[in-house]
């Protein structure tokens, strides 16, 4: 097989053809993701919200753009095949019918994520082992694309079996999308970036807004807000799994990034105010913002939330305040969480009246401790079902 004929096959079967894709969303973030896709100009009638995320159909270039620009989903999968199999013989036959050399580099490190529900084939390890053998046999048979990277690329195949119906998907993303490649240093129990974005979105945060992040930790709210205000794509500083695919065009992707780079804004004054009482958290934040020149827009200082006067920071102008207060082990064994959250509520009511607010709550009852009129948004973080309280301080 010559290189040119292989490239033609890839173009005809992969890059030049529409495929089904699935944007995986954490609980509570599906509508946020849908709004993001619409804002990027994707037609509404081509999007379908289903359990766990958003389905759409388009060419791989659109998937590249979504990975680069979407802030809320966890990852994006490309559908490869759907079929019915109630025995390992049928499964192996269907898997072997897929032309894997068009999808995967020969020198990849292959991983599998298998889930089964009410299927005759229910042993996930056995399914993964048989599928891996078939794929590796095809890739080693010769003629397969070899990734130009020095290290083996990690490629993950997702297999879902429900009532003997199999869906085979390929991960396009790699490391979860909340990993922006910006926050190199983290504090204890950091908030995920996609959750920070969702809370800013729910609070209608815009480029015109001032943000106060008074319990900033390593700065997730501040960094996410800075990227939003400057039009910096969330995937600009990281790599993706699709960059090692046989059909990946470095030229096309470079042009895509160039288009986004031309839209990046530069701010001449501080509009995001991050603070904390923890020295280690502030050190992490200062390192994070200095790595990517966010010092132009983010002010980092050691302050106690209860000493902050927002009218001094933003005279005559209301903005957005985001809080991720410590709870559980982070609060300390001798502290009363109810009293702590009551004090937060009093501070917000006294000094932040008219500001839009978002606050992480470990359970519904904490809303009553705050004494604020907040809409509760269920979210999932760190293995816990928690809530984001969103509202205008009155």
Protein backbone atom coordinates (compact mmCIF):
# COMPACT_ATOMS: atom_id res chain seq x y z
CA UNK A 1 0.00 0.00 0.00
CA UNK A 2 1.49 3.35 -1.01
CA UNK A 3 1.20 6.37 1.24
CA UNK A 4 -0.89 8.26 -1.29
CA UNK A 5 -3.44 5.46 -1.66
CA UNK A 6 -3.66 5.16 2.12
CA UNK A 7 -4.25 8.89 2.44
CA UNK A 8 -7.01 8.67 -0.14
CA UNK A 9 -8.69 5.90 1.86
CA UNK A 10 -8.46 7.95 5.02
CA UNK A 11 -9.94 11.00 3.31
CA UNK A 12 -12.73 9.00 1.69
CA UNK A 13 -13.65 7.00 4.78
CA UNK A 14 -12.73 9.28 7.69
CA UNK A 15 -11.90 12.96 7.14
CA UNK A 16 -14.22 13.57 4.19
CA UNK A 17 -17.26 11.86 5.69
CA UNK A 18 -19.78 12.82 8.37
CA UNK A 19 -19.58 10.78 11.56
CA UNK A 20 -21.64 10.54 14.70
CA UNK A 21 -20.09 12.17 17.77
CA UNK A 22 -21.03 12.29 21.43
CA UNK A 23 -20.05 15.08 23.82
CA UNK A 24 -19.93 13.49 27.28
CA UNK A 25 -21.25 15.81 30.00
CA UNK A 26 -21.05 15.65 33.78
CA UNK A 27 -24.42 15.58 35.57
CA UNK A 28 -26.02 19.01 35.43
CA UNK A 29 -23.91 20.39 32.56
CA UNK A 30 -25.78 19.09 29.50
CA UNK A 31 -27.77 22.30 28.89
CA UNK A 32 -24.63 24.38 29.36
CA UNK A 33 -22.87 22.31 26.70
CA UNK A 34 -25.84 22.63 24.35
CA UNK A 35 -25.75 26.43 24.70
CA UNK A 36 -22.01 26.45 24.02
CA UNK A 37 -22.45 24.47 20.80
CA UNK A 38 -25.21 26.78 19.61
CA UNK A 39 -23.07 29.83 20.43
CA UNK A 40 -20.33 28.39 18.19
CA UNK A 41 -22.82 28.36 15.32
CA UNK A 42 -23.70 24.66 15.22
CA UNK A 43 -27.30 24.20 13.97
CA UNK A 44 -29.76 23.33 16.72
CA UNK A 45 -31.57 20.68 14.65
CA UNK A 46 -28.25 18.76 14.37
CA UNK A 47 -27.87 18.45 18.16
CA UNK A 48 -29.63 15.86 20.27
CA UNK A 49 -29.52 15.80 24.06
CA UNK A 50 -29.57 12.24 25.39
CA UNK A 51 -28.62 10.60 28.65
CA UNK A 52 -25.06 11.55 29.51
CA UNK A 53 -24.45 14.22 26.88
CA UNK A 54 -25.07 15.64 23.41
CA UNK A 55 -25.08 13.74 20.11
CA UNK A 56 -24.17 15.49 16.85
CA UNK A 57 -23.11 14.54 13.34
CA UNK A 58 -20.44 16.25 11.28
CA UNK A 59 -16.93 15.86 9.89
CA UNK A 60 -13.89 15.37 12.15
CA UNK A 61 -12.81 19.00 11.66
CA UNK A 62 -15.87 20.11 13.64
CA UNK A 63 -14.92 17.70 16.39
CA UNK A 64 -11.44 19.26 16.48
CA UNK A 65 -13.01 22.72 16.84
CA UNK A 66 -15.29 21.54 19.65
CA UNK A 67 -12.38 20.00 21.56
CA UNK A 68 -10.48 23.26 21.22
CA UNK A 69 -13.35 25.60 22.13
CA UNK A 70 -15.88 23.88 24.39
CA UNK A 71 -15.51 24.53 28.12
CA UNK A 72 -18.23 22.37 29.70
CA UNK A 73 -18.07 18.75 28.40
CA UNK A 74 -15.75 16.04 29.77
CA UNK A 75 -14.70 14.51 26.45
CA UNK A 76 -15.91 13.92 22.90
CA UNK A 77 -16.30 10.45 21.39
CA UNK A 78 -16.47 9.56 17.69
CA UNK A 79 -18.84 6.73 16.82
CA UNK A 80 -17.13 4.02 14.79
CA UNK A 81 -19.68 1.24 14.54
CA UNK A 82 -22.97 -0.07 15.90
CA UNK A 83 -24.01 -3.71 15.65
CA UNK A 84 -25.73 -6.57 17.42
CA UNK A 85 -23.76 -9.45 18.94
CA UNK A 86 -24.92 -12.13 21.37
CA UNK A 87 -21.78 -14.28 21.19
CA UNK A 88 -18.03 -13.72 21.14
CA UNK A 89 -17.83 -15.15 17.62
CA UNK A 90 -20.23 -12.47 16.34
CA UNK A 91 -18.46 -9.75 18.32
CA UNK A 92 -15.07 -10.74 16.88
CA UNK A 93 -16.44 -10.89 13.34
CA UNK A 94 -17.97 -7.40 13.62
CA UNK A 95 -14.86 -5.91 15.21
CA UNK A 96 -12.61 -7.44 12.58
CA UNK A 97 -14.79 -5.90 9.84
CA UNK A 98 -13.76 -2.43 11.03
CA UNK A 99 -10.73 -1.07 9.15
CA UNK A 100 -8.79 -0.08 12.26
CA UNK A 101 -5.71 1.18 10.45
CA UNK A 102 -7.80 4.15 9.28
CA UNK A 103 -8.56 5.13 12.87
CA UNK A 104 -5.47 4.35 14.93
CA UNK A 105 -1.71 4.82 14.67
CA UNK A 106 0.31 1.63 14.63
CA UNK A 107 2.47 2.70 17.57
CA UNK A 108 -0.35 3.66 19.95
CA UNK A 109 -0.88 2.51 23.50
CA UNK A 110 -4.37 1.03 23.42
CA UNK A 111 -6.88 1.26 26.27
CA UNK A 112 -10.50 0.14 26.58
CA UNK A 113 -13.52 1.37 28.49
CA UNK A 114 -16.25 -1.29 28.45
CA UNK A 115 -19.74 -1.06 29.96
CA UNK A 116 -22.46 -3.70 29.63
CA UNK A 117 -26.12 -3.77 30.56
CA UNK A 118 -28.54 -6.66 30.08
CA UNK A 119 -26.37 -8.31 27.43
CA UNK A 120 -25.34 -11.94 26.99
CA UNK A 121 -21.78 -10.72 26.78
CA UNK A 122 -21.34 -9.09 30.15
CA UNK A 123 -17.72 -9.74 31.14
CA UNK A 124 -16.03 -6.40 30.38
CA UNK A 125 -12.46 -7.72 30.67
CA UNK A 126 -13.14 -10.59 28.27
CA UNK A 127 -14.72 -8.21 25.75
CA UNK A 128 -11.73 -5.85 25.99
CA UNK A 129 -9.17 -8.64 25.61
CA UNK A 130 -10.76 -10.07 22.47
CA UNK A 131 -11.25 -6.67 20.87
CA UNK A 132 -7.69 -5.62 21.69
CA UNK A 133 -6.26 -8.74 20.03
CA UNK A 134 -8.21 -8.05 16.83
CA UNK A 135 -7.20 -4.38 16.66
CA UNK A 136 -3.53 -5.01 17.39
CA UNK A 137 -3.42 -7.78 14.77
CA UNK A 138 -4.73 -5.35 12.17
CA UNK A 139 -2.34 -2.57 13.19
CA UNK A 140 0.67 -4.88 13.11
CA UNK A 141 -0.19 -6.35 9.70
CA UNK A 142 1.64 -3.54 7.90
CA UNK A 143 0.57 -0.40 6.10
CA UNK A 144 -0.73 1.26 9.25
CA UNK A 145 0.01 4.90 10.03
CA UNK A 146 2.82 5.56 12.52
CA UNK A 147 2.40 8.58 14.76
CA UNK A 148 5.29 11.06 14.35
CA UNK A 149 5.49 11.69 18.10
CA UNK A 150 8.44 10.38 20.09
CA UNK A 151 6.22 8.69 22.65
CA UNK A 152 3.38 6.27 22.10
CA UNK A 153 0.06 8.06 21.92
CA UNK A 154 -2.67 6.89 24.29
CA UNK A 155 -5.81 5.92 22.38
CA UNK A 156 -8.99 4.73 24.10
CA UNK A 157 -11.78 2.66 22.56
CA UNK A 158 -15.17 2.89 24.26
CA UNK A 159 -17.42 -0.18 24.01
CA UNK A 160 -20.99 -0.04 25.26
CA UNK A 161 -23.23 -3.11 25.15
CA UNK A 162 -26.91 -2.86 26.02
CA UNK A 163 -29.31 -5.72 25.33
CA UNK A 164 -26.75 -7.22 22.90
CA UNK A 165 -26.51 -3.93 20.94
CA UNK A 166 -22.93 -2.73 20.76
CA UNK A 167 -21.71 0.82 20.20
CA UNK A 168 -18.03 1.22 19.41
CA UNK A 169 -16.53 4.68 19.87
CA UNK A 170 -13.09 6.27 19.76
CA UNK A 171 -12.03 8.93 22.24
CA UNK A 172 -11.06 12.11 20.41
CA UNK A 173 -9.97 14.04 23.49
CA UNK A 174 -7.38 12.25 25.62
CA UNK A 175 -7.04 13.84 29.06
CA UNK A 176 -10.42 15.13 30.24
CA UNK A 177 -11.39 18.49 28.76
CA UNK A 178 -11.41 20.28 32.11
CA UNK A 179 -7.61 19.99 32.00
CA UNK A 180 -6.85 23.24 30.21
CA UNK A 181 -3.07 22.98 30.37
CA UNK A 182 -2.96 26.26 32.31
CA UNK A 183 -3.22 25.32 36.00
CA UNK A 184 0.09 23.56 36.69
CA UNK A 185 -0.04 24.09 40.45
CA UNK A 186 -3.14 23.19 42.46
CA UNK A 187 -4.30 23.61 46.04
CA UNK A 188 -6.22 21.11 48.12
CA UNK A 189 -9.45 19.80 46.53
CA UNK A 190 -9.40 22.12 43.48
CA UNK A 191 -12.63 22.79 41.61
CA UNK A 192 -12.75 21.40 38.09
CA UNK A 193 -12.59 24.02 35.36
CA UNK A 194 -15.75 22.85 33.58
CA UNK A 195 -17.73 23.30 36.82
CA UNK A 196 -16.23 26.77 37.33
CA UNK A 197 -17.26 27.68 33.79
CA UNK A 198 -20.80 26.35 34.35
CA UNK A 199 -21.19 28.51 37.46
CA UNK A 200 -19.90 31.59 35.66
CA UNK A 201 -22.29 30.80 32.79
CA UNK A 202 -25.25 30.42 35.16
CA UNK A 203 -24.34 33.77 36.75
CA UNK A 204 -24.34 35.40 33.27
CA UNK A 205 -20.70 36.40 33.62
CA UNK A 206 -19.57 38.45 30.60
CA UNK A 207 -16.50 40.26 29.28
CA UNK A 208 -17.81 43.48 30.83
CA UNK A 209 -17.98 42.06 34.36
CA UNK A 210 -15.66 42.43 37.30
CA UNK A 211 -15.05 39.14 39.13
CA UNK A 212 -14.18 38.79 42.80
CA UNK A 213 -12.84 35.34 43.71
CA UNK A 214 -12.28 35.69 47.48
CA UNK A 215 -11.61 32.05 48.38
CA UNK A 216 -9.61 31.43 45.25
CA UNK A 217 -7.42 28.46 46.17
CA UNK A 218 -5.25 27.84 43.11
CA UNK A 219 -7.50 30.14 41.08
CA UNK A 220 -9.90 28.01 39.06
CA UNK A 221 -12.67 30.64 38.92
CA UNK A 222 -10.19 33.42 38.18
CA UNK A 223 -8.32 31.56 35.45
CA UNK A 224 -11.54 30.41 33.78
CA UNK A 225 -12.96 33.93 33.89
CA UNK A 226 -9.72 35.31 32.42
CA UNK A 227 -9.90 32.85 29.53
CA UNK A 228 -13.54 33.78 28.92
CA UNK A 229 -12.88 37.53 28.98
CA UNK A 230 -9.88 37.28 26.65
CA UNK A 231 -11.52 34.81 24.21
CA UNK A 232 -8.75 32.31 24.94
CA UNK A 233 -9.96 28.82 23.90
CA UNK A 234 -9.88 26.31 26.77
CA UNK A 235 -7.90 23.81 24.69
CA UNK A 236 -5.31 26.26 23.36
CA UNK A 237 -2.44 25.12 25.60
CA UNK A 238 -3.02 21.35 25.55
CA UNK A 239 -2.91 18.42 23.15
CA UNK A 240 -5.65 15.97 22.11
CA UNK A 241 -5.88 12.30 21.18
CA UNK A 242 -6.97 13.15 17.61
CA UNK A 243 -3.59 14.77 16.94
CA UNK A 244 -2.11 11.27 16.52
CA UNK A 245 -4.78 9.89 14.19
CA UNK A 246 -3.96 8.83 10.62
CA UNK A 247 -6.39 11.45 9.29
CA UNK A 248 -5.08 14.34 11.39
CA UNK A 249 -3.94 17.36 9.38
CA UNK A 250 -1.46 19.54 11.25
CA UNK A 251 -1.99 22.28 8.66
CA UNK A 252 -5.78 22.31 9.15
CA UNK A 253 -5.46 22.35 12.93
CA UNK A 254 -2.82 25.10 12.85
CA UNK A 255 -5.19 27.23 10.75
CA UNK A 256 -8.01 26.53 13.21
CA UNK A 257 -5.83 27.70 16.12
CA UNK A 258 -4.71 30.73 14.12
CA UNK A 259 -8.34 31.77 13.67
CA UNK A 260 -8.92 31.58 17.42
CA UNK A 261 -5.64 33.36 18.19
CA UNK A 262 -6.75 36.35 16.13
CA UNK A 263 -9.79 36.77 18.39
CA UNK A 264 -7.82 36.83 21.66
CA UNK A 265 -8.21 40.13 23.54
CA UNK A 266 -5.64 41.92 25.71
CA UNK A 267 -6.75 43.80 28.81
CA UNK A 268 -4.78 46.76 30.13
CA UNK A 269 -6.17 46.73 33.67
CA UNK A 270 -7.07 44.26 36.40
CA UNK A 271 -10.68 43.08 36.19
CA UNK A 272 -10.45 39.82 38.16
CA UNK A 273 -9.60 39.96 41.87
CA UNK A 274 -8.45 36.71 43.45
CA UNK A 275 -7.59 36.36 47.12
CA UNK A 276 -7.12 33.77 49.84
CA UNK A 277 -5.67 33.49 53.34
CA UNK A 278 -3.63 30.41 52.44
CA UNK A 279 -0.04 31.20 51.44
CA UNK A 280 0.42 27.93 49.54
CA UNK A 281 -2.75 28.55 47.52
CA UNK A 282 -1.60 32.05 46.61
CA UNK A 283 1.83 30.79 45.59
CA UNK A 284 0.14 28.25 43.29
CA UNK A 285 -2.15 30.94 41.84
CA UNK A 286 0.69 33.39 41.22
CA UNK A 287 2.65 30.72 39.38
CA UNK A 288 -0.39 29.73 37.32
CA UNK A 289 -1.19 33.28 36.20
CA UNK A 290 2.43 34.20 35.47
CA UNK A 291 2.92 31.21 33.15
CA UNK A 292 0.41 32.56 30.63
CA UNK A 293 0.55 36.33 31.20
CA UNK A 294 -2.73 36.50 33.09
CA UNK A 295 -1.09 39.03 35.41
CA UNK A 296 -2.49 41.74 33.09
CA UNK A 297 -6.04 40.94 34.12
CA UNK A 298 -5.85 39.01 37.43
CA UNK A 299 -4.92 40.65 40.72
CA UNK A 300 -3.78 38.15 43.38
CA UNK A 301 -3.61 39.16 47.04
CA UNK A 302 -3.63 37.67 50.52
CA UNK A 303 -6.94 38.74 52.02
CA UNK A 304 -9.61 37.40 54.29
CA UNK A 305 -12.99 37.29 52.53
CA UNK A 306 -14.63 38.94 55.53
CA UNK A 307 -12.34 41.99 55.23
CA UNK A 308 -13.04 42.65 51.53
CA UNK A 309 -14.94 45.82 50.57
CA UNK A 310 -16.23 45.34 46.98
CA UNK A 311 -17.06 49.07 46.62
CA UNK A 312 -13.32 49.80 46.87
CA UNK A 313 -12.51 47.23 44.19
CA UNK A 314 -15.31 48.23 41.83
CA UNK A 315 -16.67 51.68 42.76
CA UNK A 316 -20.24 52.18 41.60
CA UNK A 317 -20.28 48.96 39.59
CA UNK A 318 -21.72 45.59 40.55
CA UNK A 319 -20.11 42.42 39.29
CA UNK A 320 -19.88 38.73 40.02
CA UNK A 321 -18.56 37.04 43.15
CA UNK A 322 -17.71 33.32 43.14
CA UNK A 323 -17.00 31.28 46.24
CA UNK A 324 -15.82 27.74 46.87
CA UNK A 325 -15.79 27.74 50.69
CA UNK A 326 -13.98 24.96 52.53
CA UNK A 327 -16.20 22.17 53.78
CA UNK A 328 -15.65 18.73 55.27
CA UNK A 329 -11.95 18.05 55.99
CA UNK A 330 -10.90 21.35 54.39
CA UNK A 331 -12.90 23.27 57.02
CA UNK A 332 -11.20 21.51 59.93
CA UNK A 333 -12.62 19.30 62.62
CA UNK A 334 -13.16 22.05 65.20
CA UNK A 335 -15.12 24.40 62.95
CA UNK A 336 -18.91 24.61 62.80
CA UNK A 337 -19.93 24.64 59.10
CA UNK A 338 -23.36 26.06 59.88
CA UNK A 339 -21.89 29.06 61.68
CA UNK A 340 -19.27 29.55 58.95
CA UNK A 341 -21.87 29.60 56.16
CA UNK A 342 -24.11 31.94 58.17
CA UNK A 343 -21.23 34.40 58.39
CA UNK A 344 -20.68 34.10 54.63
CA UNK A 345 -24.36 34.87 54.03
CA UNK A 346 -24.22 37.91 56.32
CA UNK A 347 -21.11 39.23 54.58
CA UNK A 348 -22.66 38.85 51.14
CA UNK A 349 -25.93 40.49 52.22
CA UNK A 350 -24.14 43.40 53.90
CA UNK A 351 -21.42 44.23 51.37
CA UNK A 352 -22.32 42.53 48.08
CA UNK A 353 -25.93 43.61 47.65
CA UNK A 354 -26.84 43.65 43.94
CA UNK A 355 -23.91 41.42 42.95
CA UNK A 356 -24.48 38.16 41.10
CA UNK A 357 -23.11 35.27 43.11
CA UNK A 358 -22.20 31.64 42.80
CA UNK A 359 -21.31 29.49 45.77
CA UNK A 360 -20.48 25.80 46.18
CA UNK A 361 -22.71 24.03 48.71
CA UNK A 362 -21.97 20.50 49.97
CA UNK A 363 -25.70 19.80 50.47
CA UNK A 364 -29.11 21.45 50.10
CA UNK A 365 -29.35 22.40 53.77
CA UNK A 366 -26.43 24.81 53.46
CA UNK A 367 -28.67 27.17 51.49
CA UNK A 368 -30.69 27.77 54.65
CA UNK A 369 -27.52 28.58 56.60
CA UNK A 370 -26.63 31.28 54.06
CA UNK A 371 -30.07 32.86 54.23
CA UNK A 372 -29.87 33.87 50.56
CA UNK A 373 -32.31 33.47 47.67
CA UNK A 374 -30.34 31.12 45.45
CA UNK A 375 -31.23 28.71 42.68
CA UNK A 376 -29.63 25.34 43.40
CA UNK A 377 -27.93 23.55 40.51
CA UNK A 378 -26.98 19.91 41.21
CA UNK A 379 -23.42 19.12 40.12
CA UNK A 380 -21.00 16.24 40.60
CA UNK A 381 -17.49 16.89 41.87
CA UNK A 382 -14.80 14.74 43.44
CA UNK A 383 -17.12 11.76 43.75
CA UNK A 384 -19.73 13.87 45.58
CA UNK A 385 -23.17 15.11 44.61
CA UNK A 386 -23.04 18.77 45.58
CA UNK A 387 -24.80 21.97 44.59
CA UNK A 388 -24.01 25.31 43.02
CA UNK A 389 -26.09 28.13 44.49
CA UNK A 390 -26.65 30.90 41.93
CA UNK A 391 -28.47 34.19 42.42
CA UNK A 392 -28.43 37.97 42.92
CA UNK A 393 -27.61 39.13 46.44
CA UNK A 394 -30.51 41.10 47.88
